[in-house]
Amino acid sequence: MQLADDHLLNAELRIFALIRLGIDDNERISKILSYTISTVYTYKARAKKRSIYPSEEFEQRVQAIRVT
């Protein structure tokens, strides 16, 4: 996924950016982004559902993303 230069990250990308940085606790993510815990959970669940990887591997796969 690539954003145009003048676009900000949406809520889902903000959450996964934090996961990529190693912050995977829903409560901590919710505090950092000023979202409710249920909002964080919902975005993560939606993304996991769309993923080709099993839910158990999803966050590990996000952390393993390498930017080129």
PDB file of N, CA and C in Angstrom:
ATOM      1  N   MET A   1       0.853  -1.173   0.000  1.00  0.00           N
ATOM      2  CA  MET A   1       0.000   0.000   0.000  1.00  0.00           C
ATOM      3  C   MET A   1       0.896   1.231   0.000  1.00  0.00           C
ATOM      4  N   GLN A   2       0.556   2.183  -0.825  1.00  0.00           N
ATOM      5  CA  GLN A   2       1.345   3.402  -0.894  1.00  0.00           C
ATOM      6  C   GLN A   2       0.402   4.586  -0.910  1.00  0.00           C
ATOM      7  N   LEU A   3       0.689   5.579  -0.070  1.00  0.00           N
ATOM      8  CA  LEU A   3      -0.120   6.789  -0.003  1.00  0.00           C
ATOM      9  C   LEU A   3       0.494   7.883  -0.862  1.00  0.00           C
ATOM     10  N   ALA A   4      -0.352   8.757  -1.348  1.00  0.00           N
ATOM     11  CA  ALA A   4       0.147   9.936  -2.056  1.00  0.00           C
ATOM     12  C   ALA A   4       0.888  10.814  -1.053  1.00  0.00           C
ATOM     13  N   ASP A   5       1.798  11.629  -1.560  1.00  0.00           N
ATOM     14  CA  ASP A   5       2.626  12.461  -0.684  1.00  0.00           C
ATOM     15  C   ASP A   5       1.825  13.361   0.246  1.00  0.00           C
ATOM     16  N   ASP A   6       0.655  13.802  -0.185  1.00  0.00           N
ATOM     17  CA  ASP A   6      -0.109  14.753   0.617  1.00  0.00           C
ATOM     18  C   ASP A   6      -1.182  14.081   1.487  1.00  0.00           C
ATOM     19  N   HIS A   7      -1.155  12.754   1.612  1.00  0.00           N
ATOM     20  CA  HIS A   7      -2.142  12.033   2.410  1.00  0.00           C
ATOM     21  C   HIS A   7      -1.549  11.562   3.735  1.00  0.00           C
ATOM     22  N   LEU A   8      -2.391  11.539   4.757  1.00  0.00           N
ATOM     23  CA  LEU A   8      -1.993  11.055   6.067  1.00  0.00           C
ATOM     24  C   LEU A   8      -2.354   9.578   6.191  1.00  0.00           C
ATOM     25  N   LEU A   9      -1.760   8.909   7.169  1.00  0.00           N
ATOM     26  CA  LEU A   9      -2.104   7.516   7.428  1.00  0.00           C
ATOM     27  C   LEU A   9      -3.523   7.424   7.975  1.00  0.00           C
ATOM     28  N   ASN A  10      -4.269   6.432   7.513  1.00  0.00           N
ATOM     29  CA  ASN A  10      -5.593   6.222   8.078  1.00  0.00           C
ATOM     30  C   ASN A  10      -5.451   5.442   9.388  1.00  0.00           C
ATOM     31  N   ALA A  11      -6.549   5.235  10.086  1.00  0.00           N
ATOM     32  CA  ALA A  11      -6.509   4.600  11.404  1.00  0.00           C
ATOM     33  C   ALA A  11      -5.875   3.215  11.353  1.00  0.00           C
ATOM     34  N   GLU A  12      -6.240   2.441  10.353  1.00  0.00           N
ATOM     35  CA  GLU A  12      -5.698   1.086  10.249  1.00  0.00           C
ATOM     36  C   GLU A  12      -4.189   1.114  10.058  1.00  0.00           C
ATOM     37  N   LEU A  13      -3.703   1.982   9.204  1.00  0.00           N
ATOM     38  CA  LEU A  13      -2.262   2.057   8.970  1.00  0.00           C
ATOM     39  C   LEU A  13      -1.515   2.578  10.192  1.00  0.00           C
ATOM     40  N   ARG A  14      -2.112   3.472  10.951  1.00  0.00           N
ATOM     41  CA  ARG A  14      -1.474   3.953  12.178  1.00  0.00           C
ATOM     42  C   ARG A  14      -1.289   2.807  13.172  1.00  0.00           C
ATOM     43  N   ILE A  15      -2.331   1.993  13.303  1.00  0.00           N
ATOM     44  CA  ILE A  15      -2.258   0.855  14.217  1.00  0.00           C
ATOM     45  C   ILE A  15      -1.165  -0.108  13.770  1.00  0.00           C
ATOM     46  N   PHE A  16      -1.131  -0.428  12.479  1.00  0.00           N
ATOM     47  CA  PHE A  16      -0.139  -1.377  12.007  1.00  0.00           C
ATOM     48  C   PHE A  16       1.262  -0.795  11.953  1.00  0.00           C
ATOM     49  N   ALA A  17       1.385   0.497  11.861  1.00  0.00           N
ATOM     50  CA  ALA A  17       2.708   1.119  11.970  1.00  0.00           C
ATOM     51  C   ALA A  17       3.260   0.904  13.382  1.00  0.00           C
ATOM     52  N   LEU A  18       2.403   1.038  14.382  1.00  0.00           N
ATOM     53  CA  LEU A  18       2.843   0.794  15.764  1.00  0.00           C
ATOM     54  C   LEU A  18       3.195  -0.675  15.979  1.00  0.00           C
ATOM     55  N   ILE A  19       2.401  -1.567  15.409  1.00  0.00           N
ATOM     56  CA  ILE A  19       2.714  -2.994  15.517  1.00  0.00           C
ATOM     57  C   ILE A  19       4.061  -3.269  14.856  1.00  0.00           C
ATOM     58  N   ARG A  20       4.296  -2.668  13.715  1.00  0.00           N
ATOM     59  CA  ARG A  20       5.566  -2.830  13.005  1.00  0.00           C
ATOM     60  C   ARG A  20       6.735  -2.369  13.861  1.00  0.00           C
ATOM     61  N   LEU A  21       6.484  -1.359  14.695  1.00  0.00           N
ATOM     62  CA  LEU A  21       7.526  -0.856  15.596  1.00  0.00           C
ATOM     63  C   LEU A  21       7.674  -1.708  16.855  1.00  0.00           C
ATOM     64  N   GLY A  22       6.838  -2.737  16.987  1.00  0.00           N
ATOM     65  CA  GLY A  22       6.945  -3.635  18.129  1.00  0.00           C
ATOM     66  C   GLY A  22       5.945  -3.391  19.238  1.00  0.00           C
ATOM     67  N   ILE A  23       5.042  -2.453  19.045  1.00  0.00           N
ATOM     68  CA  ILE A  23       4.009  -2.164  20.046  1.00  0.00           C
ATOM     69  C   ILE A  23       2.767  -2.947  19.642  1.00  0.00           C
ATOM     70  N   ASP A  24       2.495  -4.033  20.359  1.00  0.00           N
ATOM     71  CA  ASP A  24       1.387  -4.885  19.945  1.00  0.00           C
ATOM     72  C   ASP A  24       0.275  -4.999  20.983  1.00  0.00           C
ATOM     73  N   ASP A  25       0.411  -4.342  22.108  1.00  0.00           N
ATOM     74  CA  ASP A  25      -0.604  -4.368  23.149  1.00  0.00           C
ATOM     75  C   ASP A  25      -1.741  -3.401  22.796  1.00  0.00           C
ATOM     76  N   ASN A  26      -2.960  -3.927  22.712  1.00  0.00           N
ATOM     77  CA  ASN A  26      -4.113  -3.103  22.324  1.00  0.00           C
ATOM     78  C   ASN A  26      -4.303  -1.890  23.224  1.00  0.00           C
ATOM     79  N   GLU A  27      -4.117  -2.070  24.506  1.00  0.00           N
ATOM     80  CA  GLU A  27      -4.308  -0.947  25.437  1.00  0.00           C
ATOM     81  C   GLU A  27      -3.270   0.151  25.198  1.00  0.00           C
ATOM     82  N   ARG A  28      -2.041  -0.247  24.988  1.00  0.00           N
ATOM     83  CA  ARG A  28      -0.985   0.735  24.739  1.00  0.00           C
ATOM     84  C   ARG A  28      -1.224   1.469  23.413  1.00  0.00           C
ATOM     85  N   ILE A  29      -1.608   0.732  22.378  1.00  0.00           N
ATOM     86  CA  ILE A  29      -1.914   1.346  21.084  1.00  0.00           C
ATOM     87  C   ILE A  29      -3.063   2.329  21.233  1.00  0.00           C
ATOM     88  N   SER A  30      -4.100   1.936  21.977  1.00  0.00           N
ATOM     89  CA  SER A  30      -5.260   2.821  22.144  1.00  0.00           C
ATOM     90  C   SER A  30      -4.872   4.118  22.851  1.00  0.00           C
ATOM     91  N   LYS A  31      -3.977   4.041  23.816  1.00  0.00           N
ATOM     92  CA  LYS A  31      -3.535   5.252  24.518  1.00  0.00           C
ATOM     93  C   LYS A  31      -2.697   6.150  23.612  1.00  0.00           C
ATOM     94  N   ILE A  32      -1.805   5.543  22.845  1.00  0.00           N
ATOM     95  CA  ILE A  32      -0.941   6.327  21.958  1.00  0.00           C
ATOM     96  C   ILE A  32      -1.765   7.075  20.912  1.00  0.00           C
ATOM     97  N   LEU A  33      -2.760   6.397  20.340  1.00  0.00           N
ATOM     98  CA  LEU A  33      -3.545   6.984  19.253  1.00  0.00           C
ATOM     99  C   LEU A  33      -4.840   7.656  19.717  1.00  0.00           C
ATOM    100  N   SER A  34      -5.118   7.581  20.995  1.00  0.00           N
ATOM    101  CA  SER A  34      -6.367   8.137  21.563  1.00  0.00           C
ATOM    102  C   SER A  34      -7.602   7.487  20.926  1.00  0.00           C
ATOM    103  N   TYR A  35      -7.510   6.169  20.734  1.00  0.00           N
ATOM    104  CA  TYR A  35      -8.637   5.367  20.267  1.00  0.00           C
ATOM    105  C   TYR A  35      -9.114   4.522  21.435  1.00  0.00           C
ATOM    106  N   THR A  36     -10.332   4.009  21.349  1.00  0.00           N
ATOM    107  CA  THR A  36     -10.774   3.054  22.355  1.00  0.00           C
ATOM    108  C   THR A  36     -10.122   1.704  22.065  1.00  0.00           C
ATOM    109  N   ILE A  37     -10.043   0.878  23.072  1.00  0.00           N
ATOM    110  CA  ILE A  37      -9.474  -0.455  22.889  1.00  0.00           C
ATOM    111  C   ILE A  37     -10.309  -1.242  21.883  1.00  0.00           C
ATOM    112  N   SER A  38     -11.611  -1.063  21.928  1.00  0.00           N
ATOM    113  CA  SER A  38     -12.462  -1.797  20.985  1.00  0.00           C
ATOM    114  C   SER A  38     -12.222  -1.353  19.541  1.00  0.00           C
ATOM    115  N   THR A  39     -11.899  -0.083  19.334  1.00  0.00           N
ATOM    116  CA  THR A  39     -11.576   0.396  17.989  1.00  0.00           C
ATOM    117  C   THR A  39     -10.306  -0.273  17.478  1.00  0.00           C
ATOM    118  N   VAL A  40      -9.303  -0.344  18.319  1.00  0.00           N
ATOM    119  CA  VAL A  40      -8.048  -1.007  17.937  1.00  0.00           C
ATOM    120  C   VAL A  40      -8.325  -2.469  17.619  1.00  0.00           C
ATOM    121  N   TYR A  41      -9.054  -3.132  18.478  1.00  0.00           N
ATOM    122  CA  TYR A  41      -9.385  -4.540  18.264  1.00  0.00           C
ATOM    123  C   TYR A  41     -10.137  -4.727  16.945  1.00  0.00           C
ATOM    124  N   THR A  42     -11.091  -3.867  16.676  1.00  0.00           N
ATOM    125  CA  THR A  42     -11.893  -3.974  15.457  1.00  0.00           C
ATOM    126  C   THR A  42     -11.037  -3.824  14.205  1.00  0.00           C
ATOM    127  N   TYR A  43     -10.169  -2.824  14.169  1.00  0.00           N
ATOM    128  CA  TYR A  43      -9.300  -2.629  12.999  1.00  0.00           C
ATOM    129  C   TYR A  43      -8.368  -3.820  12.807  1.00  0.00           C
ATOM    130  N   LYS A  44      -7.807  -4.327  13.900  1.00  0.00           N
ATOM    131  CA  LYS A  44      -6.928  -5.479  13.794  1.00  0.00           C
ATOM    132  C   LYS A  44      -7.693  -6.710  13.307  1.00  0.00           C
ATOM    133  N   ALA A  45      -8.890  -6.925  13.835  1.00  0.00           N
ATOM    134  CA  ALA A  45      -9.693  -8.091  13.445  1.00  0.00           C
ATOM    135  C   ALA A  45     -10.074  -8.023  11.966  1.00  0.00           C
ATOM    136  N   ARG A  46     -10.449  -6.844  11.494  1.00  0.00           N
ATOM    137  CA  ARG A  46     -10.806  -6.682  10.075  1.00  0.00           C
ATOM    138  C   ARG A  46      -9.621  -6.997   9.169  1.00  0.00           C
ATOM    139  N   ALA A  47      -8.455  -6.495   9.539  1.00  0.00           N
ATOM    140  CA  ALA A  47      -7.271  -6.725   8.715  1.00  0.00           C
ATOM    141  C   ALA A  47      -6.877  -8.202   8.727  1.00  0.00           C
ATOM    142  N   LYS A  48      -6.973  -8.826   9.878  1.00  0.00           N
ATOM    143  CA  LYS A  48      -6.656 -10.254   9.972  1.00  0.00           C
ATOM    144  C   LYS A  48      -7.609 -11.082   9.127  1.00  0.00           C
ATOM    145  N   LYS A  49      -8.849 -10.679   9.098  1.00  0.00           N
ATOM    146  CA  LYS A  49      -9.853 -11.402   8.323  1.00  0.00           C
ATOM    147  C   LYS A  49      -9.555 -11.327   6.823  1.00  0.00           C
ATOM    148  N   ARG A  50      -9.021 -10.196   6.359  1.00  0.00           N
ATOM    149  CA  ARG A  50      -8.697 -10.018   4.944  1.00  0.00           C
ATOM    150  C   ARG A  50      -7.366 -10.652   4.555  1.00  0.00           C
ATOM    151  N   SER A  51      -6.553 -10.984   5.542  1.00  0.00           N
ATOM    152  CA  SER A  51      -5.218 -11.494   5.289  1.00  0.00           C
ATOM    153  C   SER A  51      -5.235 -12.914   4.737  1.00  0.00           C
ATOM    154  N   ILE A  52      -4.200 -13.229   3.966  1.00  0.00           N
ATOM    155  CA  ILE A  52      -4.047 -14.595   3.471  1.00  0.00           C
ATOM    156  C   ILE A  52      -3.357 -15.473   4.515  1.00  0.00           C
ATOM    157  N   TYR A  53      -2.834 -14.863   5.570  1.00  0.00           N
ATOM    158  CA  TYR A  53      -2.132 -15.596   6.615  1.00  0.00           C
ATOM    159  C   TYR A  53      -3.074 -15.914   7.766  1.00  0.00           C
ATOM    160  N   PRO A  54      -2.795 -16.992   8.502  1.00  0.00           N
ATOM    161  CA  PRO A  54      -3.615 -17.313   9.672  1.00  0.00           C
ATOM    162  C   PRO A  54      -3.537 -16.183  10.709  1.00  0.00           C
ATOM    163  N   SER A  55      -4.607 -15.974  11.437  1.00  0.00           N
ATOM    164  CA  SER A  55      -4.661 -14.910  12.441  1.00  0.00           C
ATOM    165  C   SER A  55      -3.509 -14.980  13.432  1.00  0.00           C
ATOM    166  N   GLU A  56      -3.102 -16.209  13.770  1.00  0.00           N
ATOM    167  CA  GLU A  56      -2.034 -16.389  14.762  1.00  0.00           C
ATOM    168  C   GLU A  56      -0.694 -15.850  14.267  1.00  0.00           C
ATOM    169  N   GLU A  57      -0.501 -15.818  12.959  1.00  0.00           N
ATOM    170  CA  GLU A  57       0.764 -15.354  12.376  1.00  0.00           C
ATOM    171  C   GLU A  57       0.732 -13.893  11.967  1.00  0.00           C
ATOM    172  N   PHE A  58      -0.424 -13.299  11.929  1.00  0.00           N
ATOM    173  CA  PHE A  58      -0.598 -11.998  11.297  1.00  0.00           C
ATOM    174  C   PHE A  58       0.321 -10.921  11.876  1.00  0.00           C
ATOM    175  N   GLU A  59       0.323 -10.749  13.190  1.00  0.00           N
ATOM    176  CA  GLU A  59       1.122  -9.669  13.775  1.00  0.00           C
ATOM    177  C   GLU A  59       2.612  -9.921  13.601  1.00  0.00           C
ATOM    178  N   GLN A  60       3.027 -11.182  13.640  1.00  0.00           N
ATOM    179  CA  GLN A  60       4.432 -11.506  13.363  1.00  0.00           C
ATOM    180  C   GLN A  60       4.799 -11.121  11.938  1.00  0.00           C
ATOM    181  N   ARG A  61       3.891 -11.374  11.014  1.00  0.00           N
ATOM    182  CA  ARG A  61       4.126 -11.014   9.610  1.00  0.00           C
ATOM    183  C   ARG A  61       4.221  -9.498   9.441  1.00  0.00           C
ATOM    184  N   VAL A  62       3.383  -8.756  10.155  1.00  0.00           N
ATOM    185  CA  VAL A  62       3.438  -7.287  10.088  1.00  0.00           C
ATOM    186  C   VAL A  62       4.785  -6.806  10.622  1.00  0.00           C
ATOM    187  N   GLN A  63       5.240  -7.383  11.714  1.00  0.00           N
ATOM    188  CA  GLN A  63       6.534  -6.976  12.291  1.00  0.00           C
ATOM    189  C   GLN A  63       7.701  -7.324  11.376  1.00  0.00           C
ATOM    190  N   ALA A  64       7.527  -8.333  10.544  1.00  0.00           N
ATOM    191  CA  ALA A  64       8.602  -8.769   9.655  1.00  0.00           C
ATOM    192  C   ALA A  64       8.679  -7.987   8.346  1.00  0.00           C
ATOM    193  N   ILE A  65       7.742  -7.070   8.125  1.00  0.00           N
ATOM    194  CA  ILE A  65       7.749  -6.279   6.887  1.00  0.00           C
ATOM    195  C   ILE A  65       9.027  -5.456   6.814  1.00  0.00           C
ATOM    196  N   ARG A  66       9.669  -5.536   5.678  1.00  0.00           N
ATOM    197  CA  ARG A  66      10.883  -4.750   5.427  1.00  0.00           C
ATOM    198  C   ARG A  66      10.576  -3.735   4.343  1.00  0.00           C
ATOM    199  N   VAL A  67      10.942  -2.506   4.599  1.00  0.00           N
ATOM    200  CA  VAL A  67      10.708  -1.431   3.640  1.00  0.00           C
ATOM    201  C   VAL A  67      11.921  -1.350   2.721  1.00  0.00           C
ATOM    202  N   THR A  68      11.635  -1.298   1.432  1.00  0.00           N
ATOM    203  CA  THR A  68      12.745  -1.221   0.473  1.00  0.00           C
ATOM    204  C   THR A  68      12.787   0.129  -0.192  1.00  0.00           C
TER     205      THR A  68
END
